[in-house]
Protein backbone atom coordinates (compact mmCIF):
# COMPACT_ATOMS: atom_id res chain seq x y z
CA MET A 1 120.86 99.47 94.93
CA ALA A 2 121.95 96.72 93.03
CA SER A 3 125.41 97.05 90.55
CA LYS A 4 124.80 97.92 86.98
CA SER A 5 125.63 94.48 85.94
CA LEU A 6 123.37 92.99 88.75
CA ASN A 7 120.77 95.25 87.65
CA ARG A 8 121.35 94.40 83.85
CA GLY A 9 121.28 90.03 84.67
CA LEU A 10 118.22 90.86 86.41
CA GLY A 11 116.76 92.95 83.63
CA ALA A 12 117.68 90.51 80.98
CA ALA A 13 116.29 87.41 83.29
CA LYS A 14 113.03 88.68 83.43
CA ALA A 15 113.06 89.64 79.68
CA ALA A 16 113.56 86.63 79.26
CA LYS A 17 110.95 84.93 81.54
CA GLN A 18 114.04 83.47 83.79
CA ASP A 19 112.58 83.73 86.76
CA GLU A 20 114.47 80.83 88.34
CA PHE A 21 115.79 81.90 91.39
CA TYR A 22 116.14 79.45 94.27
CA THR A 23 115.81 80.15 97.80
CA GLN A 24 118.24 78.57 100.22
CA TYR A 25 117.55 76.50 102.92
CA VAL A 26 119.23 78.46 105.15
CA ASP A 27 117.39 81.70 104.17
CA ILE A 28 113.81 79.90 104.90
CA GLN A 29 114.33 78.78 108.14
CA LYS A 30 115.79 81.97 109.56
CA GLU A 31 112.53 83.67 108.41
CA VAL A 32 109.98 81.18 109.30
CA GLU A 33 111.56 80.68 112.90
CA ALA A 34 111.07 83.61 113.30
CA TYR A 35 107.64 83.92 113.22
CA LEU A 36 107.53 80.90 115.85
CA GLU A 37 109.52 83.42 118.31
CA PHE A 38 106.69 85.56 118.00
CA ASP A 39 103.84 83.12 118.07
CA SER A 40 104.47 78.91 118.74
CA ASP A 41 101.69 78.07 117.06
CA ALA A 42 102.33 80.44 113.70
CA PHE A 43 101.43 77.01 111.65
CA ARG A 44 100.17 74.76 113.62
CA GLY A 45 97.13 72.73 112.31
CA LYS A 46 97.73 74.54 109.08
CA VAL A 47 97.81 73.44 105.15
CA VAL A 48 100.98 74.94 103.64
CA TYR A 49 101.10 75.23 99.82
CA CYS A 50 104.39 75.73 98.32
CA ASN A 51 103.28 76.46 94.64
CA CYS A 52 106.82 77.62 92.68
CA ASP A 53 108.19 74.40 94.04
CA ASP A 54 109.54 71.25 92.47
CA PRO A 55 109.76 68.62 95.37
CA PHE A 56 113.27 68.17 96.81
CA GLU A 57 114.40 70.14 94.39
CA SER A 58 112.86 73.24 96.34
CA ASP A 59 114.66 73.95 99.49
CA PHE A 60 110.94 75.17 100.74
CA PHE A 61 109.76 71.58 100.58
CA LYS A 62 112.64 70.25 102.04
CA TYR A 63 112.32 72.71 104.87
CA PHE A 64 108.46 72.26 105.31
CA ALA A 65 108.61 68.54 104.88
CA ALA A 66 111.96 68.23 107.29
CA ASN A 67 109.78 70.12 109.93
CA PHE A 68 106.20 68.56 109.37
CA ASN A 69 106.06 67.37 112.93
CA LYS A 70 108.26 70.23 114.55
CA LEU A 71 105.70 73.30 112.90
CA GLY A 72 102.55 70.74 113.20
CA LEU A 73 101.77 71.28 110.18
CA LYS A 74 98.04 70.11 109.12
CA LYS A 75 99.18 69.24 105.25
CA LEU A 76 101.69 70.35 102.41
CA ILE A 77 101.28 70.53 99.31
CA THR A 78 103.60 71.97 96.74
CA THR A 79 103.45 72.12 92.89
CA SER A 80 105.99 72.81 90.11
CA TYR A 81 105.23 73.84 86.17
CA ASP A 82 105.46 71.96 83.42
CA GLY A 83 108.87 72.24 81.97
CA SER A 84 110.94 73.78 85.33
CA PRO A 85 114.14 73.71 84.69
CA ILE A 86 115.68 73.48 87.79
CA ALA A 87 119.25 71.88 88.15
CA GLY A 88 118.62 68.10 88.88
CA GLN A 89 119.72 65.94 91.78
CA GLY A 90 118.39 63.00 90.16
CA THR A 91 114.77 61.03 89.66
CA LEU A 92 112.70 60.95 92.48
CA PHE A 93 109.65 59.18 90.77
CA PRO A 94 110.39 56.51 88.57
CA GLU A 95 107.41 57.12 86.29
CA TYR A 96 109.55 60.33 85.04
CA ASP A 97 112.47 58.72 84.74
CA GLU A 98 113.31 59.26 80.73
CA GLY A 99 116.53 57.17 81.32
CA ASN A 100 120.16 57.96 82.57
CA GLY A 101 119.04 58.70 85.78
CA LYS A 102 117.90 61.96 85.34
CA ARG A 103 114.42 63.70 84.58
CA GLN A 104 115.13 65.20 81.16
CA LYS A 105 111.92 66.36 80.63
CA PRO A 106 110.48 67.48 83.78
CA LYS A 107 106.75 67.26 84.40
CA ALA A 108 104.49 69.68 86.33
CA LEU A 109 103.38 68.03 89.18
CA ALA A 110 101.80 68.38 93.18
CA ALA A 111 103.02 66.43 96.11
CA ILE A 112 101.22 66.34 99.06
CA ILE A 113 101.93 65.04 102.32
CA ASP A 114 99.81 64.82 105.78
CA HIS A 115 102.10 63.23 108.20
CA VAL A 116 105.41 62.36 108.31
CA LYS A 117 106.73 59.35 110.02
CA ASP A 118 109.69 56.91 110.13
CA GLU A 119 108.98 54.87 107.00
CA ASP A 120 112.66 53.35 107.03
CA GLY A 121 112.69 51.67 110.47
CA ASP A 122 115.79 53.82 111.91
CA GLY A 123 114.00 55.50 114.95
CA ALA A 124 113.57 58.54 113.45
CA ALA A 125 111.32 60.83 110.66
CA ASN A 126 113.02 63.00 108.31
CA ILE A 127 113.34 63.86 104.95
CA THR A 128 114.44 60.64 104.09
CA ASP A 129 111.18 59.01 105.05
CA VAL A 130 109.08 61.57 103.47
CA LYS A 131 110.92 60.54 100.40
CA LEU A 132 110.43 56.94 100.90
CA PHE A 133 106.79 57.45 101.52
CA LEU A 134 106.48 59.87 98.22
CA ARG A 135 107.95 56.82 96.34
CA ARG A 136 106.05 54.37 97.40
CA ASN A 137 102.40 56.24 96.95
CA LYS A 138 101.75 57.24 93.85
CA ALA A 139 98.75 58.90 95.24
CA ALA A 140 100.64 61.59 97.16
CA ARG A 141 101.65 62.66 93.60
CA ILE A 142 99.70 63.84 91.24
CA ALA A 143 100.56 64.73 87.80
CA LEU A 144 98.90 68.67 86.57
CA GLU A 145 97.45 68.75 83.09
CA ALA A 146 97.91 71.90 80.79
CA ASP A 147 95.10 74.20 80.12
CA ARG A 148 95.65 77.84 79.24
CA TYR A 149 98.12 77.90 81.47
CA PRO A 150 101.45 75.28 81.40
CA GLY A 151 100.54 72.21 83.85
CA GLY A 152 101.39 73.65 87.37
CA ASP A 153 101.06 77.18 86.64
CA PHE A 154 99.79 78.91 89.86
CA ARG A 155 97.07 80.38 87.40
CA SER A 156 95.68 76.84 86.04
CA PRO A 157 92.65 75.71 87.77
CA GLU A 158 93.99 73.05 89.48
CA CYS A 159 96.60 74.69 91.46
CA ILE A 160 93.57 77.37 92.44
CA ALA A 161 91.89 74.58 93.80
CA PHE A 162 95.09 73.93 95.93
CA LEU A 163 95.05 77.57 96.99
CA LYS A 164 92.02 77.25 98.26
CA GLU A 165 92.87 74.59 100.39
CA ALA A 166 95.63 76.25 101.63
CA ASP A 167 96.09 78.67 105.32
CA ILE A 168 99.68 79.49 104.28
CA VAL A 169 101.41 80.18 101.31
CA VAL A 170 105.27 80.10 101.28
CA THR A 171 107.39 80.30 98.37
CA ASN A 172 109.54 82.81 96.02
CA PRO A 173 107.41 83.77 93.15
CA PRO A 174 108.64 84.57 89.80
CA PHE A 175 109.76 88.10 90.02
CA SER A 176 108.38 89.10 86.72
CA LEU A 177 104.59 88.17 88.04
CA PHE A 178 105.28 89.49 91.31
CA LYS A 179 102.51 91.64 91.06
CA GLU A 180 99.90 89.24 89.08
CA TYR A 181 100.71 86.69 92.37
CA LEU A 182 100.34 88.89 94.84
CA ALA A 183 96.74 89.64 93.26
CA GLN A 184 95.47 86.02 93.42
CA LEU A 185 96.74 85.67 97.67
CA VAL A 186 94.68 88.75 98.37
CA GLU A 187 91.90 87.82 96.11
CA HIS A 188 91.66 84.50 97.96
CA ASP A 189 92.09 86.24 101.17
CA LYS A 190 95.17 83.77 102.24
CA LYS A 191 98.03 84.28 104.49
CA PHE A 192 101.18 84.20 102.81
CA LEU A 193 105.07 85.16 103.45
CA ILE A 194 106.75 85.04 99.95
CA ILE A 195 109.86 86.99 98.23
CA GLY A 196 109.88 89.64 95.83
CA ASN A 197 112.16 92.58 94.68
CA GLN A 198 111.97 95.44 97.30
CA ASN A 199 110.92 98.45 93.84
CA ALA A 200 107.40 96.14 94.55
CA ILE A 201 107.22 98.39 97.45
CA THR A 202 106.08 101.30 95.75
CA TYR A 203 104.17 99.27 92.64
CA ASN A 204 100.50 100.68 92.51
CA ASP A 205 99.36 97.43 93.24
CA VAL A 206 101.03 96.42 96.09
CA PHE A 207 101.70 100.07 98.29
CA PRO A 208 97.97 100.03 99.09
CA LEU A 209 98.31 96.93 100.85
CA ILE A 210 100.93 97.85 102.61
CA ARG A 211 99.57 101.37 103.45
CA ALA A 212 96.09 99.49 104.74
CA ASN A 213 98.46 97.22 106.76
CA LYS A 214 97.24 94.16 104.80
CA LEU A 215 101.16 93.22 103.99
CA TRP A 216 104.30 94.13 105.42
CA MET A 217 107.90 93.35 105.15
CA GLY A 218 109.39 90.12 107.42
CA VAL A 219 111.65 89.58 109.58
CA THR A 220 115.17 88.67 108.54
CA ILE A 221 116.32 90.29 105.57
CA HIS A 222 116.82 94.00 105.61
CA SER A 223 120.13 95.05 103.92
CA GLY A 224 123.08 93.46 101.86
CA ASP A 225 122.37 90.62 99.60
CA ARG A 226 120.87 87.34 98.78
CA GLU A 227 122.50 84.07 97.14
CA PHE A 228 120.10 82.27 94.94
CA ARG A 229 120.68 78.63 93.00
CA VAL A 230 119.56 79.13 89.05
CA PRO A 231 119.61 76.55 86.71
CA ASP A 232 122.72 75.61 84.74
CA HIS A 233 121.34 76.84 81.90
CA TYR A 234 121.39 80.65 83.41
CA PRO A 235 124.52 82.40 81.84
CA LEU A 236 126.24 83.97 85.39
CA ASN A 237 126.89 87.54 83.41
CA ALA A 238 125.85 89.46 87.14
CA ALA A 239 128.22 90.25 89.80
CA GLY A 240 128.81 87.62 92.52
CA SER A 241 127.85 85.01 90.58
CA ARG A 242 130.30 81.89 91.37
CA VAL A 243 129.66 78.04 90.61
CA ASP A 244 130.30 75.60 93.06
CA GLU A 245 132.49 72.50 93.70
CA ASN A 246 129.63 70.06 92.15
CA GLY A 247 128.86 72.84 89.51
CA VAL A 248 125.64 74.36 90.54
CA LYS A 249 125.33 77.82 89.99
CA TYR A 250 124.38 80.36 91.98
CA ILE A 251 123.93 84.46 91.10
CA ARG A 252 123.49 87.39 94.28
CA VAL A 253 120.94 89.81 93.77
CA LYS A 254 120.65 92.59 95.86
CA GLY A 255 117.20 94.71 96.92
CA VAL A 256 115.31 91.13 98.02
CA ARG A 257 112.50 91.34 100.21
CA TRP A 258 110.40 88.77 102.40
CA TYR A 259 106.55 90.06 102.11
CA THR A 260 104.12 88.82 104.66
CA ASN A 261 100.56 89.12 106.36
CA LEU A 262 102.06 86.85 109.10
CA ASP A 263 102.68 89.08 112.19
CA HIS A 264 105.84 89.16 113.86
CA GLY A 265 107.29 90.66 116.80
CA ARG A 266 109.80 93.31 114.80
CA ARG A 267 106.64 95.30 113.47
CA HIS A 268 105.72 96.16 117.30
CA GLN A 269 109.30 97.50 118.35
CA LYS A 270 109.03 101.21 118.59
CA LEU A 271 112.27 102.99 116.50
CA PRO A 272 114.13 105.01 118.70
CA LEU A 273 114.20 108.24 117.62
CA MET A 274 116.06 111.78 118.77
CA THR A 275 114.79 115.36 118.27
CA MET A 276 115.93 117.46 114.95
CA GLU A 277 118.33 118.91 117.07
CA ASP A 278 119.86 116.47 118.38
CA ASN A 279 120.11 114.40 114.97
CA ILE A 280 121.53 117.31 113.55
CA LYS A 281 123.86 117.59 116.62
CA PHE A 282 124.94 113.98 117.15
CA SER A 283 123.69 111.49 114.60
CA LYS A 284 126.10 109.06 112.86
CA HIS A 285 124.71 111.44 109.73
CA LYS A 286 125.46 114.70 111.33
CA GLU A 287 127.90 115.38 108.14
CA VAL A 288 124.47 115.12 106.05
CA LEU A 289 122.21 117.06 108.61
CA GLY A 290 124.54 119.33 109.80
CA ILE A 291 123.28 122.11 107.21
CA GLY A 292 119.62 121.03 108.51
CA TYR A 293 116.90 119.43 107.12
CA GLU A 294 115.40 120.00 104.07
CA ARG A 295 112.03 120.63 102.72
CA TYR A 296 110.90 120.22 99.14
CA CYS A 297 110.40 122.71 96.63
CA ASN A 298 107.03 121.87 95.50
CA PHE A 299 105.33 120.13 98.87
CA ASP A 300 105.52 121.25 102.74
CA ALA A 301 107.14 118.14 103.87
CA LEU A 302 110.17 117.50 105.66
CA GLU A 303 113.31 115.30 103.40
CA VAL A 304 114.67 112.50 105.85
CA PRO A 305 117.13 110.71 104.02
CA PHE A 306 117.94 108.24 106.78
CA THR A 307 115.48 106.04 108.72
CA ASP A 308 117.42 106.52 112.10
CA ALA A 309 117.17 110.45 111.57
CA ILE A 310 113.24 110.63 111.60
CA PRO A 311 113.07 113.34 114.24
CA SER A 312 111.37 112.63 117.51
CA ASP A 313 109.26 116.13 117.52
CA PHE A 314 108.20 117.32 114.02
CA ASP A 315 104.42 116.74 113.31
CA GLY A 316 104.51 117.27 110.00
CA ILE A 317 104.74 115.10 106.84
CA MET A 318 108.00 113.31 106.28
CA GLY A 319 109.86 112.24 103.05
CA VAL A 320 111.84 108.50 104.16
CA PRO A 321 113.67 106.39 102.15
CA ILE A 322 111.39 102.95 101.23
CA THR A 323 114.02 101.07 103.71
CA PHE A 324 111.77 102.67 106.28
CA LEU A 325 109.43 100.08 105.94
CA ASP A 326 111.70 97.49 107.43
CA ARG A 327 111.37 99.36 110.84
CA TYR A 328 107.75 100.35 110.73
CA ASP A 329 105.81 99.70 113.28
CA PRO A 330 101.89 100.90 112.68
CA ASP A 331 101.21 102.18 116.22
CA GLN A 332 104.37 105.19 115.93
CA PHE A 333 104.12 105.99 112.26
CA GLU A 334 101.21 106.31 109.91
CA ILE A 335 102.03 105.94 106.14
CA ILE A 336 100.41 108.70 103.60
CA ALA A 337 101.88 108.10 100.26
CA ASN A 338 103.80 106.92 97.56
CA GLY A 339 106.17 109.21 96.39
CA ASP A 340 106.38 107.62 92.79
CA ASP A 341 102.49 107.68 92.74
CA ARG A 342 101.94 110.85 90.63
CA ASP A 343 97.64 110.52 91.35
CA GLU A 344 98.52 110.07 95.02
CA MET A 345 100.95 113.35 94.80
CA GLU A 346 97.78 115.45 93.10
CA ALA A 347 95.58 114.16 95.86
CA LEU A 348 97.78 115.74 98.33
CA GLY A 349 97.99 119.11 96.13
CA VAL A 350 101.64 118.49 95.07
CA PRO A 351 102.26 120.20 91.93
CA PRO A 352 104.53 118.47 89.16
CA LEU A 353 107.59 119.99 89.14
CA GLY A 354 108.50 122.70 86.39
CA PRO A 355 110.36 122.23 83.27
CA GLU A 356 113.98 122.90 85.02
CA TYR A 357 114.04 119.64 86.40
CA VAL A 358 113.79 118.21 83.09
CA GLY A 359 116.30 115.02 82.99
CA ASN A 360 116.21 115.15 86.29
CA ALA A 361 116.02 112.21 88.73
CA GLY A 362 113.63 113.29 91.43
CA ARG A 363 111.42 115.39 88.39
CA ARG A 364 108.56 112.46 89.09
CA LYS A 365 109.03 112.22 92.70
CA VAL A 366 107.88 114.03 95.49
CA GLY A 367 110.02 116.73 95.06
CA ILE A 368 113.27 117.81 95.44
CA PRO A 369 114.82 119.16 98.21
CA SER A 370 114.99 123.38 97.65
CA THR A 371 119.13 122.90 97.13
CA LYS A 372 117.76 120.81 93.97
CA LYS A 373 119.84 117.67 94.72
CA ALA A 374 117.91 114.94 92.98
CA ALA A 375 115.16 112.93 95.56
CA TYR A 376 115.62 108.98 95.89
CA LYS A 377 112.17 107.31 96.05
CA ARG A 378 110.55 108.16 99.13
CA ILE A 379 107.36 107.03 101.18
CA LEU A 380 105.52 110.06 103.36
CA ILE A 381 104.85 109.32 106.77
CA ARG A 382 103.81 111.37 109.83
CA HIS A 383 103.94 110.55 113.74
CA ARG A 384 101.11 109.08 115.16
CA ARG A 385 100.38 111.43 118.21
CA PRO A 386 98.23 110.13 120.77
CA THR A 387 94.73 111.87 121.11
CA LYS A 388 93.92 114.29 123.55
CA GLY A 389 92.59 112.67 126.73
CA LYS A 390 94.60 109.09 126.27
CA LYS A 391 97.93 108.35 126.73
């Protein structure tokens, strides 16, 4: 869990719609290239759409533009919204110059490229050539109009038209609109690779997609935290904030994950397991498991506090941490339910906890172990076993 100060910072940002957390180039590169290791043609011939990204200020655009030919892209589309407060690198397009060499009032625009070639004659095709191409070809950049939404908002008709053209959407959408953003991708049946808060895993609109294997965790972010660039006007009152030597602000954020429906090799790696007896004796968690595994007081299921402590020889239902999804192989395990969803728990016959647990942090969860300790968020799973006659 994030520190209290960081949680306050993120909560305040959400309340103020301060959703401008900009992913760094190295994190994008590591994640995208993990899919290339599994399928070198994962992006070949595809239209990639970054629909929450200001060209040349977003590292999503920079990465895909710089690697356009390497990835074999068919087209790259990037849209930014009206009034986006991204910290500026100066004006890219002359028509948006407000004076003093800066774009004082950012405008919503779309940048579209369908090739990257040597524009400056230096013998190489790179991001500098993309910049020159966009400067010279006004038709490759389109001003976006406002209607019921600000210009460039992912919900606007213009952006939805771009979405329909896209094959894969890759971006860091606003945290406060994550459910609505994801629902739009699902509605239009798009492939995607997006960043969101870890807590989104248990949202009622998100978890069913995970259970149905229509959404899973990405490859490279599993624990620790990530540093995001933020606009100049953001207060830096959260733990891990800093300002670099150029005056650019950064905030470290815990509990973020890549969410995707692009296949990758990690989700086909079986989790190595020990028996229940061996976990109690030999696992690195034996100081916790030494008294044995506990069961919930209101549901016949096993409490498993660590993913690597899932016993190989237990065939019933187990409550595991949500971080289990970082190691989830759908051929090895079946996801049963979200322990935070009261309707799902009632469908499984799990009774509500009694009044003696009022005020207990675990009272709305699956249940709590028989020792009456508070339970953390849990996902209910069980092993997939071969049916008779099959290996």
